[in-house]
C-alpha atoms as a PDB file:
ATOM      1  CA  UNK A   1      27.919 -50.329  16.750  1.00  0.00           C
ATOM      2  CA  UNK A   2      25.623 -52.688  14.846  1.00  0.00           C
ATOM      3  CA  UNK A   3      26.287 -54.094  11.393  1.00  0.00           C
ATOM      4  CA  UNK A   4      24.042 -53.064   8.522  1.00  0.00           C
ATOM      5  CA  UNK A   5      23.804 -54.631   5.094  1.00  0.00           C
ATOM      6  CA  UNK A   6      25.009 -53.012   1.903  1.00  0.00           C
ATOM      7  CA  UNK A   7      21.449 -53.222   0.577  1.00  0.00           C
ATOM      8  CA  UNK A   8      20.141 -51.303   3.595  1.00  0.00           C
ATOM      9  CA  UNK A   9      22.758 -48.597   3.141  1.00  0.00           C
ATOM     10  CA  UNK A  10      21.958 -48.333  -0.579  1.00  0.00           C
ATOM     11  CA  UNK A  11      18.237 -48.024   0.131  1.00  0.00           C
ATOM     12  CA  UNK A  12      18.815 -45.402   2.808  1.00  0.00           C
ATOM     13  CA  UNK A  13      21.090 -43.408   0.524  1.00  0.00           C
ATOM     14  CA  UNK A  14      18.404 -43.390  -2.183  1.00  0.00           C
ATOM     15  CA  UNK A  15      15.958 -42.078   0.396  1.00  0.00           C
ATOM     16  CA  UNK A  16      18.161 -39.313   1.792  1.00  0.00           C
ATOM     17  CA  UNK A  17      20.428 -38.420  -1.128  1.00  0.00           C
ATOM     18  CA  UNK A  18      23.373 -38.178   1.296  1.00  0.00           C
ATOM     19  CA  UNK A  19      26.906 -39.565   0.857  1.00  0.00           C
ATOM     20  CA  UNK A  20      27.197 -43.352   1.190  1.00  0.00           C
ATOM     21  CA  UNK A  21      29.515 -43.315   4.202  1.00  0.00           C
ATOM     22  CA  UNK A  22      27.299 -40.825   6.056  1.00  0.00           C
ATOM     23  CA  UNK A  23      24.331 -43.119   5.466  1.00  0.00           C
ATOM     24  CA  UNK A  24      26.234 -46.170   6.650  1.00  0.00           C
ATOM     25  CA  UNK A  25      27.474 -44.488   9.812  1.00  0.00           C
ATOM     26  CA  UNK A  26      24.032 -43.119  10.690  1.00  0.00           C
ATOM     27  CA  UNK A  27      22.382 -46.494  10.217  1.00  0.00           C
ATOM     28  CA  UNK A  28      25.012 -48.164  12.354  1.00  0.00           C
ATOM     29  CA  UNK A  29      24.608 -45.578  15.113  1.00  0.00           C
ATOM     30  CA  UNK A  30      20.823 -46.007  14.943  1.00  0.00           C
ATOM     31  CA  UNK A  31      20.979 -49.830  15.120  1.00  0.00           C
ATOM     32  CA  UNK A  32      19.563 -50.140  11.614  1.00  0.00           C
ATOM     33  CA  UNK A  33      16.465 -48.007  12.369  1.00  0.00           C
ATOM     34  CA  UNK A  34      16.007 -45.663   9.394  1.00  0.00           C
ATOM     35  CA  UNK A  35      13.840 -43.133  11.234  1.00  0.00           C
ATOM     36  CA  UNK A  36      16.359 -42.814  14.049  1.00  0.00           C
ATOM     37  CA  UNK A  37      19.138 -42.520  11.457  1.00  0.00           C
ATOM     38  CA  UNK A  38      17.261 -39.667   9.757  1.00  0.00           C
ATOM     39  CA  UNK A  39      16.992 -37.813  13.063  1.00  0.00           C
ATOM     40  CA  UNK A  40      20.702 -38.344  13.777  1.00  0.00           C
ATOM     41  CA  UNK A  41      21.591 -36.915  10.380  1.00  0.00           C
ATOM     42  CA  UNK A  42      19.280 -33.941  10.918  1.00  0.00           C
ATOM     43  CA  UNK A  43      20.897 -33.165  14.276  1.00  0.00           C
ATOM     44  CA  UNK A  44      24.385 -33.414  12.793  1.00  0.00           C
ATOM     45  CA  UNK A  45      23.320 -31.253   9.878  1.00  0.00           C
ATOM     46  CA  UNK A  46      21.844 -28.645  12.226  1.00  0.00           C
ATOM     47  CA  UNK A  47      25.140 -28.387  14.110  1.00  0.00           C
ATOM     48  CA  UNK A  48      26.939 -27.756  10.832  1.00  0.00           C
ATOM     49  CA  UNK A  49      24.256 -25.288   9.707  1.00  0.00           C
ATOM     50  CA  UNK A  50      24.636 -23.374  12.974  1.00  0.00           C
ATOM     51  CA  UNK A  51      28.372 -23.053  12.362  1.00  0.00           C
ATOM     52  CA  UNK A  52      27.705 -21.725   8.855  1.00  0.00           C
ATOM     53  CA  UNK A  53      24.756 -19.502   9.762  1.00  0.00           C
ATOM     54  CA  UNK A  54      26.718 -16.287   9.204  1.00  0.00           C
ATOM     55  CA  UNK A  55      27.413 -17.118   5.552  1.00  0.00           C
ATOM     56  CA  UNK A  56      26.021 -14.688   3.004  1.00  0.00           C
ATOM     57  CA  UNK A  57      22.876 -15.843   1.188  1.00  0.00           C
ATOM     58  CA  UNK A  58      22.932 -13.516  -1.814  1.00  0.00           C
ATOM     59  CA  UNK A  59      21.125 -15.833  -4.259  1.00  0.00           C
ATOM     60  CA  UNK A  60      17.673 -17.354  -4.270  1.00  0.00           C
ATOM     61  CA  UNK A  61      14.257 -17.401  -5.860  1.00  0.00           C
ATOM     62  CA  UNK A  62      10.621 -16.623  -5.098  1.00  0.00           C
ATOM     63  CA  UNK A  63       8.178 -19.411  -4.382  1.00  0.00           C
ATOM     64  CA  UNK A  64       4.577 -18.682  -5.355  1.00  0.00           C
ATOM     65  CA  UNK A  65       1.051 -19.953  -4.762  1.00  0.00           C
ATOM     66  CA  UNK A  66      -1.082 -18.620  -7.602  1.00  0.00           C
ATOM     67  CA  UNK A  67      -4.403 -18.973  -9.372  1.00  0.00           C
ATOM     68  CA  UNK A  68      -7.217 -16.689 -10.487  1.00  0.00           C
ATOM     69  CA  UNK A  69      -9.582 -19.462  -9.403  1.00  0.00           C
ATOM     70  CA  UNK A  70      -8.065 -19.655  -5.910  1.00  0.00           C
ATOM     71  CA  UNK A  71      -9.140 -17.598  -2.914  1.00  0.00           C
ATOM     72  CA  UNK A  72      -5.627 -16.807  -1.623  1.00  0.00           C
ATOM     73  CA  UNK A  73      -2.239 -16.053  -3.169  1.00  0.00           C
ATOM     74  CA  UNK A  74       1.215 -16.003  -1.600  1.00  0.00           C
ATOM     75  CA  UNK A  75       4.878 -15.379  -2.348  1.00  0.00           C
ATOM     76  CA  UNK A  76       7.950 -16.303  -0.281  1.00  0.00           C
ATOM     77  CA  UNK A  77      11.603 -15.393  -0.806  1.00  0.00           C
ATOM     78  CA  UNK A  78      13.999 -18.321  -0.265  1.00  0.00           C
ATOM     79  CA  UNK A  79      17.697 -17.418  -0.146  1.00  0.00           C
ATOM     80  CA  UNK A  80      20.793 -19.566  -0.666  1.00  0.00           C
ATOM     81  CA  UNK A  81      24.564 -19.200  -1.058  1.00  0.00           C
ATOM     82  CA  UNK A  82      25.128 -19.900  -4.767  1.00  0.00           C
ATOM     83  CA  UNK A  83      23.417 -19.459  -8.130  1.00  0.00           C
ATOM     84  CA  UNK A  84      23.430 -23.153  -9.210  1.00  0.00           C
ATOM     85  CA  UNK A  85      21.348 -24.147  -6.186  1.00  0.00           C
ATOM     86  CA  UNK A  86      18.514 -21.869  -7.318  1.00  0.00           C
ATOM     87  CA  UNK A  87      17.913 -24.280 -10.211  1.00  0.00           C
ATOM     88  CA  UNK A  88      17.893 -27.377  -7.999  1.00  0.00           C
ATOM     89  CA  UNK A  89      14.489 -29.105  -8.255  1.00  0.00           C
ATOM     90  CA  UNK A  90      14.262 -29.713  -4.511  1.00  0.00           C
ATOM     91  CA  UNK A  91      15.130 -26.082  -3.766  1.00  0.00           C
ATOM     92  CA  UNK A  92      12.399 -24.960  -6.183  1.00  0.00           C
ATOM     93  CA  UNK A  93       9.968 -27.373  -4.545  1.00  0.00           C
ATOM     94  CA  UNK A  94      10.807 -26.033  -1.084  1.00  0.00           C
ATOM     95  CA  UNK A  95      10.264 -22.427  -2.191  1.00  0.00           C
ATOM     96  CA  UNK A  96       6.842 -23.261  -3.622  1.00  0.00           C
ATOM     97  CA  UNK A  97       5.912 -25.395  -0.605  1.00  0.00           C
ATOM     98  CA  UNK A  98       6.669 -22.418   1.636  1.00  0.00           C
ATOM     99  CA  UNK A  99       4.315 -20.234  -0.411  1.00  0.00           C
ATOM    100  CA  UNK A 100       1.558 -22.861  -0.414  1.00  0.00           C
ATOM    101  CA  UNK A 101       1.816 -23.315   3.355  1.00  0.00           C
ATOM    102  CA  UNK A 102       1.711 -19.546   3.875  1.00  0.00           C
ATOM    103  CA  UNK A 103      -1.408 -19.286   1.730  1.00  0.00           C
ATOM    104  CA  UNK A 104      -3.105 -21.975   3.811  1.00  0.00           C
ATOM    105  CA  UNK A 105      -2.676 -20.237   7.187  1.00  0.00           C
ATOM    106  CA  UNK A 106      -3.479 -16.561   7.750  1.00  0.00           C
ATOM    107  CA  UNK A 107      -1.987 -16.679  11.261  1.00  0.00           C
ATOM    108  CA  UNK A 108       1.602 -17.071  10.032  1.00  0.00           C
ATOM    109  CA  UNK A 109       3.601 -13.903  10.655  1.00  0.00           C
ATOM    110  CA  UNK A 110       7.224 -15.075  10.901  1.00  0.00           C
ATOM    111  CA  UNK A 111       9.612 -17.359   9.042  1.00  0.00           C
ATOM    112  CA  UNK A 112       9.907 -19.609  12.104  1.00  0.00           C
ATOM    113  CA  UNK A 113       6.142 -20.027  12.301  1.00  0.00           C
ATOM    114  CA  UNK A 114       6.063 -20.902   8.605  1.00  0.00           C
ATOM    115  CA  UNK A 115       8.875 -23.457   8.902  1.00  0.00           C
ATOM    116  CA  UNK A 116       6.996 -25.215  11.694  1.00  0.00           C
ATOM    117  CA  UNK A 117       4.098 -26.005   9.345  1.00  0.00           C
ATOM    118  CA  UNK A 118       3.723 -29.340   7.570  1.00  0.00           C
ATOM    119  CA  UNK A 119       5.233 -29.549   4.103  1.00  0.00           C
ATOM    120  CA  UNK A 120       2.523 -29.611   1.400  1.00  0.00           C
ATOM    121  CA  UNK A 121       4.609 -32.022  -0.697  1.00  0.00           C
ATOM    122  CA  UNK A 122       5.964 -34.320   2.062  1.00  0.00           C
ATOM    123  CA  UNK A 123       3.176 -35.324   4.481  1.00  0.00           C
ATOM    124  CA  UNK A 124       4.370 -35.925   8.024  1.00  0.00           C
ATOM    125  CA  UNK A 125       7.401 -33.672   7.559  1.00  0.00           C
ATOM    126  CA  UNK A 126       7.654 -30.032   8.593  1.00  0.00           C
ATOM    127  CA  UNK A 127       9.015 -27.407   6.266  1.00  0.00           C
ATOM    128  CA  UNK A 128      11.892 -26.974   8.704  1.00  0.00           C
ATOM    129  CA  UNK A 129      12.773 -30.670   8.393  1.00  0.00           C
ATOM    130  CA  UNK A 130      12.459 -30.415   4.614  1.00  0.00           C
ATOM    131  CA  UNK A 131      14.850 -27.442   4.664  1.00  0.00           C
ATOM    132  CA  UNK A 132      17.289 -29.217   7.003  1.00  0.00           C
ATOM    133  CA  UNK A 133      17.269 -32.360   4.865  1.00  0.00           C
ATOM    134  CA  UNK A 134      18.054 -30.263   1.814  1.00  0.00           C
ATOM    135  CA  UNK A 135      20.925 -28.624   3.684  1.00  0.00           C
ATOM    136  CA  UNK A 136      22.325 -32.088   4.442  1.00  0.00           C
ATOM    137  CA  UNK A 137      22.302 -32.924   0.737  1.00  0.00           C
ATOM    138  CA  UNK A 138      23.635 -29.635  -0.616  1.00  0.00           C
ATOM    139  CA  UNK A 139      25.584 -28.236   2.353  1.00  0.00           C
ATOM    140  CA  UNK A 140      24.419 -24.674   1.759  1.00  0.00           C
ATOM    141  CA  UNK A 141      22.675 -22.330   4.172  1.00  0.00           C
ATOM    142  CA  UNK A 142      19.054 -21.453   3.292  1.00  0.00           C
ATOM    143  CA  UNK A 143      17.141 -18.517   4.756  1.00  0.00           C
ATOM    144  CA  UNK A 144      13.509 -17.528   4.417  1.00  0.00           C
ATOM    145  CA  UNK A 145      13.266 -13.849   3.497  1.00  0.00           C
ATOM    146  CA  UNK A 146      10.214 -11.748   2.652  1.00  0.00           C
ATOM    147  CA  UNK A 147       6.701 -13.182   2.767  1.00  0.00           C
ATOM    148  CA  UNK A 148       3.421 -11.896   1.321  1.00  0.00           C
ATOM    149  CA  UNK A 149      -0.066 -13.349   1.603  1.00  0.00           C
ATOM    150  CA  UNK A 150      -3.054 -11.908  -0.291  1.00  0.00           C
ATOM    151  CA  UNK A 151      -6.700 -12.686   0.378  1.00  0.00           C
ATOM    152  CA  UNK A 152      -8.099 -13.039  -3.109  1.00  0.00           C
ATOM    153  CA  UNK A 153      -7.286 -14.484  -6.540  1.00  0.00           C
ATOM    154  CA  UNK A 154      -3.716 -13.872  -7.682  1.00  0.00           C
ATOM    155  CA  UNK A 155      -1.491 -14.193 -10.696  1.00  0.00           C
ATOM    156  CA  UNK A 156       2.256 -13.912 -10.746  1.00  0.00           C
ATOM    157  CA  UNK A 157       5.586 -14.257 -12.441  1.00  0.00           C
ATOM    158  CA  UNK A 158       9.162 -15.001 -11.446  1.00  0.00           C
ATOM    159  CA  UNK A 159      12.203 -13.949 -13.453  1.00  0.00           C
ATOM    160  CA  UNK A 160      15.249 -16.088 -12.719  1.00  0.00           C
ATOM    161  CA  UNK A 161      17.894 -14.899 -15.178  1.00  0.00           C
ATOM    162  CA  UNK A 162      20.115 -11.890 -14.536  1.00  0.00           C
ATOM    163  CA  UNK A 163      17.928  -9.866 -12.193  1.00  0.00           C
ATOM    164  CA  UNK A 164      15.895 -12.252 -10.025  1.00  0.00           C
ATOM    165  CA  UNK A 165      12.417 -10.857  -9.457  1.00  0.00           C
ATOM    166  CA  UNK A 166       9.082 -12.035  -8.142  1.00  0.00           C
ATOM    167  CA  UNK A 167       5.700 -10.424  -8.818  1.00  0.00           C
ATOM    168  CA  UNK A 168       2.396 -11.249  -7.135  1.00  0.00           C
ATOM    169  CA  UNK A 169      -0.719  -9.607  -8.619  1.00  0.00           C
ATOM    170  CA  UNK A 170      -4.061  -9.407  -6.790  1.00  0.00           C
ATOM    171  CA  UNK A 171      -6.873  -9.444  -9.352  1.00  0.00           C
ATOM    172  CA  UNK A 172     -10.604  -9.772  -9.776  1.00  0.00           C
ATOM    173  CA  UNK A 173     -11.814 -11.732 -12.784  1.00  0.00           C
ATOM    174  CA  UNK A 174      -9.628 -12.493 -15.767  1.00  0.00           C
ATOM    175  CA  UNK A 175      -7.572 -15.634 -16.119  1.00  0.00           C
ATOM    176  CA  UNK A 176      -4.136 -16.975 -15.224  1.00  0.00           C
ATOM    177  CA  UNK A 177      -2.543 -16.007 -18.551  1.00  0.00           C
ATOM    178  CA  UNK A 178      -3.775 -12.409 -18.439  1.00  0.00           C
ATOM    179  CA  UNK A 179      -2.707 -12.035 -14.818  1.00  0.00           C
ATOM    180  CA  UNK A 180       0.739 -13.426 -15.663  1.00  0.00           C
ATOM    181  CA  UNK A 181       1.044 -10.959 -18.544  1.00  0.00           C
ATOM    182  CA  UNK A 182       0.461  -8.053 -16.158  1.00  0.00           C
ATOM    183  CA  UNK A 183       2.932  -9.547 -13.674  1.00  0.00           C
ATOM    184  CA  UNK A 184       5.537  -9.815 -16.444  1.00  0.00           C
ATOM    185  CA  UNK A 185       4.891  -6.170 -17.291  1.00  0.00           C
ATOM    186  CA  UNK A 186       5.565  -5.200 -13.665  1.00  0.00           C
ATOM    187  CA  UNK A 187       8.845  -7.139 -13.680  1.00  0.00           C
ATOM    188  CA  UNK A 188       9.913  -5.422 -16.909  1.00  0.00           C
ATOM    189  CA  UNK A 189       8.746  -1.838 -16.258  1.00  0.00           C
ATOM    190  CA  UNK A 190       8.987  -1.588 -12.442  1.00  0.00           C
ATOM    191  CA  UNK A 191       6.127   0.860 -11.779  1.00  0.00           C
ATOM    192  CA  UNK A 192       6.311   2.936  -8.603  1.00  0.00           C
ATOM    193  CA  UNK A 193       2.664   2.400  -7.644  1.00  0.00           C
ATOM    194  CA  UNK A 194      -0.613   0.890  -8.821  1.00  0.00           C
ATOM    195  CA  UNK A 195      -2.321   4.226  -9.500  1.00  0.00           C
ATOM    196  CA  UNK A 196      -1.798   7.968  -9.076  1.00  0.00           C
ATOM    197  CA  UNK A 197      -3.560   7.887  -5.697  1.00  0.00           C
ATOM    198  CA  UNK A 198      -0.893   5.531  -4.351  1.00  0.00           C
ATOM    199  CA  UNK A 199       2.090   7.672  -5.329  1.00  0.00           C
ATOM    200  CA  UNK A 200       3.811   9.857  -2.740  1.00  0.00           C
ATOM    201  CA  UNK A 201       1.491  12.864  -2.833  1.00  0.00           C
ATOM    202  CA  UNK A 202       4.228  15.260  -1.688  1.00  0.00           C
ATOM    203  CA  UNK A 203       6.321  14.192  -4.682  1.00  0.00           C
ATOM    204  CA  UNK A 204       3.314  14.601  -6.978  1.00  0.00           C
ATOM    205  CA  UNK A 205       2.659  18.124  -5.666  1.00  0.00           C
ATOM    206  CA  UNK A 206       6.335  19.020  -6.050  1.00  0.00           C
ATOM    207  CA  UNK A 207       6.334  17.779  -9.662  1.00  0.00           C
ATOM    208  CA  UNK A 208       3.209  19.785 -10.447  1.00  0.00           C
ATOM    209  CA  UNK A 209       4.795  22.958  -9.055  1.00  0.00           C
ATOM    210  CA  UNK A 210       7.996  22.374 -11.034  1.00  0.00           C
ATOM    211  CA  UNK A 211       6.030  21.872 -14.249  1.00  0.00           C
ATOM    212  CA  UNK A 212       3.964  24.993 -13.596  1.00  0.00           C
ATOM    213  CA  UNK A 213       7.079  27.073 -12.935  1.00  0.00           C
ATOM    214  CA  UNK A 214       8.676  25.732 -16.116  1.00  0.00           C
ATOM    215  CA  UNK A 215       5.603  26.608 -18.188  1.00  0.00           C
ATOM    216  CA  UNK A 216       5.525  30.153 -16.802  1.00  0.00           C
ATOM    217  CA  UNK A 217       9.266  30.516 -17.455  1.00  0.00           C
ATOM    218  CA  UNK A 218       8.619  29.484 -21.059  1.00  0.00           C
ATOM    219  CA  UNK A 219       6.336  32.514 -21.364  1.00  0.00           C
ATOM    220  CA  UNK A 220       3.131  30.499 -21.795  1.00  0.00           C
ATOM    221  CA  UNK A 221      -0.116  32.448 -21.299  1.00  0.00           C
ATOM    222  CA  UNK A 222      -1.334  32.060 -17.717  1.00  0.00           C
ATOM    223  CA  UNK A 223      -4.776  30.906 -18.850  1.00  0.00           C
ATOM    224  CA  UNK A 224      -3.334  27.771 -20.509  1.00  0.00           C
ATOM    225  CA  UNK A 225      -0.635  26.949 -17.955  1.00  0.00           C
ATOM    226  CA  UNK A 226      -2.864  24.726 -15.822  1.00  0.00           C
ATOM    227  CA  UNK A 227      -4.019  22.769 -18.889  1.00  0.00           C
ATOM    228  CA  UNK A 228      -0.421  22.301 -19.974  1.00  0.00           C
ATOM    229  CA  UNK A 229       0.537  21.096 -16.516  1.00  0.00           C
ATOM    230  CA  UNK A 230      -2.387  18.647 -16.470  1.00  0.00           C
ATOM    231  CA  UNK A 231      -1.196  17.195 -19.781  1.00  0.00           C
ATOM    232  CA  UNK A 232       2.362  16.837 -18.580  1.00  0.00           C
ATOM    233  CA  UNK A 233       1.169  15.255 -15.325  1.00  0.00           C
ATOM    234  CA  UNK A 234      -0.655  12.617 -17.359  1.00  0.00           C
ATOM    235  CA  UNK A 235       2.705  11.697 -18.871  1.00  0.00           C
ATOM    236  CA  UNK A 236       4.227  11.697 -15.393  1.00  0.00           C
ATOM    237  CA  UNK A 237       1.582   9.253 -14.147  1.00  0.00           C
ATOM    238  CA  UNK A 238       1.899   7.112 -17.288  1.00  0.00           C
ATOM    239  CA  UNK A 239       5.586   6.615 -16.547  1.00  0.00           C
ATOM    240  CA  UNK A 240       5.141   5.720 -12.889  1.00  0.00           C
ATOM    241  CA  UNK A 241       1.799   3.986 -12.292  1.00  0.00           C
ATOM    242  CA  UNK A 242       1.049   0.449 -13.345  1.00  0.00           C
ATOM    243  CA  UNK A 243      -2.503   1.010 -14.559  1.00  0.00           C
ATOM    244  CA  UNK A 244      -1.549   3.980 -16.768  1.00  0.00           C
ATOM    245  CA  UNK A 245       1.690   2.596 -18.193  1.00  0.00           C
ATOM    246  CA  UNK A 246       1.595   1.537 -21.863  1.00  0.00           C
ATOM    247  CA  UNK A 247       1.304  -2.250 -21.830  1.00  0.00           C
ATOM    248  CA  UNK A 248       4.698  -3.749 -22.603  1.00  0.00           C
ATOM    249  CA  UNK A 249       3.314  -6.264 -25.126  1.00  0.00           C
ATOM    250  CA  UNK A 250       1.119  -3.689 -26.900  1.00  0.00           C
ATOM    251  CA  UNK A 251       1.916  -0.037 -26.208  1.00  0.00           C
ATOM    252  CA  UNK A 252      -1.229   1.121 -27.987  1.00  0.00           C
ATOM    253  CA  UNK A 253      -3.171   0.293 -24.827  1.00  0.00           C
ATOM    254  CA  UNK A 254      -2.530   0.863 -21.132  1.00  0.00           C
ATOM    255  CA  UNK A 255      -2.187  -1.961 -18.630  1.00  0.00           C
ATOM    256  CA  UNK A 256      -5.612  -1.069 -17.268  1.00  0.00           C
ATOM    257  CA  UNK A 257      -7.137  -1.296 -20.744  1.00  0.00           C
ATOM    258  CA  UNK A 258      -5.440  -4.638 -21.359  1.00  0.00           C
ATOM    259  CA  UNK A 259      -6.801  -5.985 -18.076  1.00  0.00           C
ATOM    260  CA  UNK A 260     -10.317  -4.765 -18.845  1.00  0.00           C
ATOM    261  CA  UNK A 261     -10.193  -6.446 -22.264  1.00  0.00           C
ATOM    262  CA  UNK A 262      -9.814  -9.726 -20.364  1.00  0.00           C
ATOM    263  CA  UNK A 263     -12.528  -8.955 -17.829  1.00  0.00           C
ATOM    264  CA  UNK A 264      -9.939  -8.335 -15.128  1.00  0.00           C
ATOM    265  CA  UNK A 265      -9.357  -5.637 -12.513  1.00  0.00           C
ATOM    266  CA  UNK A 266      -5.875  -5.273 -11.015  1.00  0.00           C
ATOM    267  CA  UNK A 267      -6.277  -4.401  -7.337  1.00  0.00           C
ATOM    268  CA  UNK A 268      -2.724  -4.517  -5.943  1.00  0.00           C
ATOM    269  CA  UNK A 269       0.700  -6.012  -6.509  1.00  0.00           C
ATOM    270  CA  UNK A 270       3.957  -6.970  -4.817  1.00  0.00           C
ATOM    271  CA  UNK A 271       7.201  -6.618  -6.787  1.00  0.00           C
ATOM    272  CA  UNK A 272      10.390  -7.857  -5.150  1.00  0.00           C
ATOM    273  CA  UNK A 273      13.892  -7.913  -6.568  1.00  0.00           C
ATOM    274  CA  UNK A 274      16.384 -10.263  -4.946  1.00  0.00           C
ATOM    275  CA  UNK A 275      18.926  -8.320  -2.922  1.00  0.00           C
ATOM    276  CA  UNK A 276      16.650  -5.291  -2.498  1.00  0.00           C
ATOM    277  CA  UNK A 277      14.436  -4.501   0.457  1.00  0.00           C
END
């Protein structure tokens, strides 16, 4: 076992963020070679991570790659063991790096394939190595959950207090602020679908029949029943579809009207709540 200087250990600790004695031992085992020491620490960390792999990861956040001026948007769910870690700057960076890497490569279909890509924020390092290094510092298990990639400009929003939610909005036109406003509305109001056409049509038909039966039971004249049902169905759609919901920041206009006022068309959205599938 070679001898390493205190200055070398201090420098290596600043680089890795790991405990002083772990840094010293790794450097000694690697003969003072920092790169070899990093690999030794990663291997040791992976052994520990494998032992802890069955731990529950019930907390986390959603990394996003957004921009109405960009051609692709993405969102990735990154899970961890405890709430405090979700506010860690390096954890936040990793979640956003995962989303940026996903946006850059349409061929990615699995978490493993994503983790094998180079980190956008640490050139020469894979996302898997970035994740493993973070595990060595924090000693918590991290898992990549759901992933979404959208061809086209996107806005989004993440809510990280109480209920943890992530929203990715596919838009045409508009701007980042308007797209974020719509994403915030989705997080707050949780619509069932973008428009009436995207609702479960069997459920829609069932609701229409129930409303018609109720109107007839009320003794309404048959000639106005269908008009009454149409009116009540408009309320039904306004409760459940994003475009027809009253906009949460101004209920005098619908979400669709708000979007149009900013030259924006909402084409699709993803709304995920942590812990739900």
